Amino acid sequence: MGYLSDIARRRIAAVLLVVGIAVAILALTDQSVFEDPPTEEQEVAMAVEEFYGAAADGDFQSYCEKLTEGARRTIESRAKELAGSEEDLECPDIAAAAAERFVGLRTKIKFVNVSGSRARVQVAVKPAEGASELRTVMLESPEAGVWLIADSG
């Protein structure tokens, strides 16, 4: 067996230290092979935040796309009934008519419960002016990784 000189041992130790630091940085920043996919609970929470975020940004097309087909139909039929109109009203137009309710809207997720293709989220919703209210938002997943709002509470 051969022996390594002090210089060779120091170089090997330095290389191992640099490699160890690089691996630790990758692991801490969830990069490369250390990346963790979001959990179902995180996906559901993101869906709720995106839903309310679209409304706060005035992007009512995206807001309505985050609703299930049944939820959109319910909104449209209720608006038609309230307006006393025979004309079909579209979800983005209905949401835009209530745009002032969404300006400055902030949310904070309090609780997420996922059970199969359904989820329930308790979210504190705070308008720009007024008190925060706790809502229970119901979601459905028509396909893996996609969560849509079935009832916005």
Protein backbone atom coordinates (compact mmCIF):
# COMPACT_ATOMS: atom_id res chain seq x y z
CA MET A 1 0.00 0.00 0.00
CA GLY A 2 1.20 3.46 -0.83
CA TYR A 3 1.14 6.48 1.34
CA LEU A 4 -0.16 9.89 0.36
CA SER A 5 1.90 12.94 0.98
CA ASP A 6 0.58 15.69 3.24
CA ILE A 7 -0.08 17.88 0.20
CA ALA A 8 -2.15 15.16 -1.52
CA ARG A 9 -4.17 14.52 1.66
CA ARG A 10 -4.87 18.25 2.05
CA ARG A 11 -6.00 18.53 -1.58
CA ILE A 12 -8.33 15.55 -1.22
CA ALA A 13 -9.75 17.00 2.01
CA ALA A 14 -10.28 20.38 0.30
CA VAL A 15 -12.07 18.74 -2.65
CA LEU A 16 -14.29 16.70 -0.29
CA LEU A 17 -15.10 19.84 1.71
CA VAL A 18 -16.07 21.78 -1.44
CA VAL A 19 -18.19 18.87 -2.72
CA GLY A 20 -19.87 18.57 0.70
CA ILE A 21 -20.68 22.29 0.77
CA ALA A 22 -22.07 22.14 -2.79
CA VAL A 23 -24.31 19.16 -1.93
CA ALA A 24 -25.52 20.91 1.24
CA ILE A 25 -26.39 24.08 -0.71
CA LEU A 26 -28.29 22.07 -3.33
CA ALA A 27 -30.21 20.22 -0.62
CA LEU A 28 -31.07 23.37 1.32
CA THR A 29 -32.33 25.19 -1.77
CA ASP A 30 -34.33 22.21 -3.10
CA GLN A 31 -32.31 22.09 -6.30
CA SER A 32 -31.63 19.23 -8.70
CA VAL A 33 -32.15 15.75 -7.26
CA PHE A 34 -33.10 17.24 -3.89
CA GLU A 35 -36.14 19.09 -5.23
CA ASP A 36 -39.31 18.15 -3.34
CA PRO A 37 -42.52 18.13 -5.35
CA PRO A 38 -45.35 20.03 -3.66
CA THR A 39 -47.66 18.00 -1.45
CA GLU A 40 -51.37 17.80 -2.24
CA GLU A 41 -52.01 20.21 0.63
CA GLN A 42 -49.55 22.71 -0.87
CA GLU A 43 -51.15 22.34 -4.32
CA VAL A 44 -54.60 22.97 -2.83
CA ALA A 45 -53.38 26.02 -0.88
CA MET A 46 -51.74 27.39 -4.05
CA ALA A 47 -54.99 26.91 -5.98
CA VAL A 48 -56.92 28.94 -3.39
CA GLU A 49 -54.26 31.67 -3.32
CA GLU A 50 -54.23 31.84 -7.14
CA PHE A 51 -58.05 32.03 -7.20
CA TYR A 52 -58.22 35.00 -4.85
CA GLY A 53 -55.05 36.50 -6.35
CA ALA A 54 -56.61 36.51 -9.83
CA ALA A 55 -59.63 38.35 -8.44
CA ALA A 56 -57.48 40.89 -6.59
CA ASP A 57 -55.47 41.48 -9.80
CA GLY A 58 -58.65 42.00 -11.83
CA ASP A 59 -57.94 38.92 -13.98
CA PHE A 60 -61.51 37.67 -13.99
CA GLN A 61 -60.95 35.28 -16.90
CA SER A 62 -58.37 33.37 -14.80
CA TYR A 63 -60.60 33.73 -11.74
CA CYS A 64 -63.43 31.95 -13.54
CA GLU A 65 -61.13 29.31 -15.06
CA LYS A 66 -60.21 28.27 -11.52
CA LEU A 67 -63.86 27.37 -10.83
CA THR A 68 -65.45 24.01 -11.57
CA GLU A 69 -68.00 23.98 -14.36
CA GLY A 70 -70.78 23.55 -11.78
CA ALA A 71 -69.58 26.53 -9.74
CA ARG A 72 -69.46 28.73 -12.87
CA ARG A 73 -72.99 27.67 -13.87
CA THR A 74 -74.25 28.44 -10.35
CA ILE A 75 -72.71 31.93 -10.41
CA GLU A 76 -74.12 32.62 -13.87
CA SER A 77 -77.63 31.41 -13.03
CA ARG A 78 -77.75 33.34 -9.73
CA ALA A 79 -76.58 36.52 -11.44
CA LYS A 80 -79.18 36.05 -14.20
CA GLU A 81 -81.85 35.52 -11.56
CA LEU A 82 -80.77 38.58 -9.52
CA ALA A 83 -80.59 40.77 -12.61
CA GLY A 84 -84.03 39.57 -13.71
CA SER A 85 -82.62 39.17 -17.18
CA GLU A 86 -83.21 36.62 -19.91
CA GLU A 87 -79.75 37.35 -21.29
CA ASP A 88 -77.02 34.85 -20.50
CA LEU A 89 -74.36 36.40 -18.29
CA GLU A 90 -70.77 35.14 -18.44
CA CYS A 91 -68.71 34.50 -15.30
CA PRO A 92 -65.87 36.99 -16.10
CA ASP A 93 -68.42 39.76 -16.73
CA ILE A 94 -70.23 38.99 -13.47
CA ALA A 95 -66.96 39.05 -11.50
CA ALA A 96 -65.88 42.28 -13.21
CA ALA A 97 -69.17 43.91 -12.14
CA ALA A 98 -68.17 43.21 -8.53
CA ALA A 99 -64.51 44.19 -9.05
CA GLU A 100 -64.48 46.75 -6.23
CA ARG A 101 -65.02 43.92 -3.72
CA PHE A 102 -61.74 42.32 -4.80
CA VAL A 103 -59.42 45.36 -4.81
CA GLY A 104 -56.75 44.99 -2.12
CA LEU A 105 -58.06 41.57 -1.08
CA ARG A 106 -55.63 39.58 1.08
CA THR A 107 -55.81 35.96 2.13
CA LYS A 108 -54.20 33.73 4.71
CA ILE A 109 -54.60 29.96 4.60
CA LYS A 110 -55.52 28.62 8.03
CA PHE A 111 -56.22 24.93 7.40
CA VAL A 112 -56.09 22.46 4.49
CA ASN A 113 -57.72 19.02 4.43
CA VAL A 114 -57.40 16.77 1.37
CA SER A 115 -59.42 13.59 0.97
CA GLY A 116 -58.99 11.90 -2.38
CA SER A 117 -60.15 14.22 -5.15
CA ARG A 118 -61.81 16.68 -2.76
CA ALA A 119 -60.35 19.26 -0.43
CA ARG A 120 -61.49 21.78 2.16
CA VAL A 121 -59.57 24.94 2.97
CA GLN A 122 -60.23 27.45 5.71
CA VAL A 123 -58.95 30.82 4.57
CA ALA A 124 -59.08 34.21 6.21
CA VAL A 125 -60.18 36.73 3.57
CA LYS A 126 -59.54 40.40 4.29
CA PRO A 127 -60.79 43.11 1.95
CA ALA A 128 -58.85 46.38 1.69
CA GLU A 129 -61.35 47.93 4.07
CA GLY A 130 -63.23 45.97 6.67
CA ALA A 131 -62.76 43.00 8.89
CA SER A 132 -61.29 39.67 7.97
CA GLU A 133 -63.73 36.79 7.60
CA LEU A 134 -63.06 33.09 7.74
CA ARG A 135 -64.33 31.15 4.72
CA THR A 136 -64.44 27.46 3.98
CA VAL A 137 -63.50 26.85 0.36
CA MET A 138 -64.32 23.49 -1.22
CA LEU A 139 -62.17 22.17 -4.07
CA GLU A 140 -62.31 19.26 -6.49
CA SER A 141 -59.56 17.66 -8.54
CA PRO A 142 -60.78 16.51 -11.96
CA GLU A 143 -57.26 15.27 -12.78
CA ALA A 144 -54.00 14.75 -10.91
CA GLY A 145 -52.35 18.02 -9.90
CA VAL A 146 -55.31 20.20 -10.92
CA TRP A 147 -57.50 21.72 -8.20
CA LEU A 148 -60.60 23.76 -8.98
CA ILE A 149 -62.86 25.75 -6.66
CA ALA A 150 -66.25 24.04 -6.26
CA ASP A 151 -67.53 26.47 -3.61
CA SER A 152 -65.75 29.68 -2.62
CA GLY A 153 -67.53 29.87 0.69
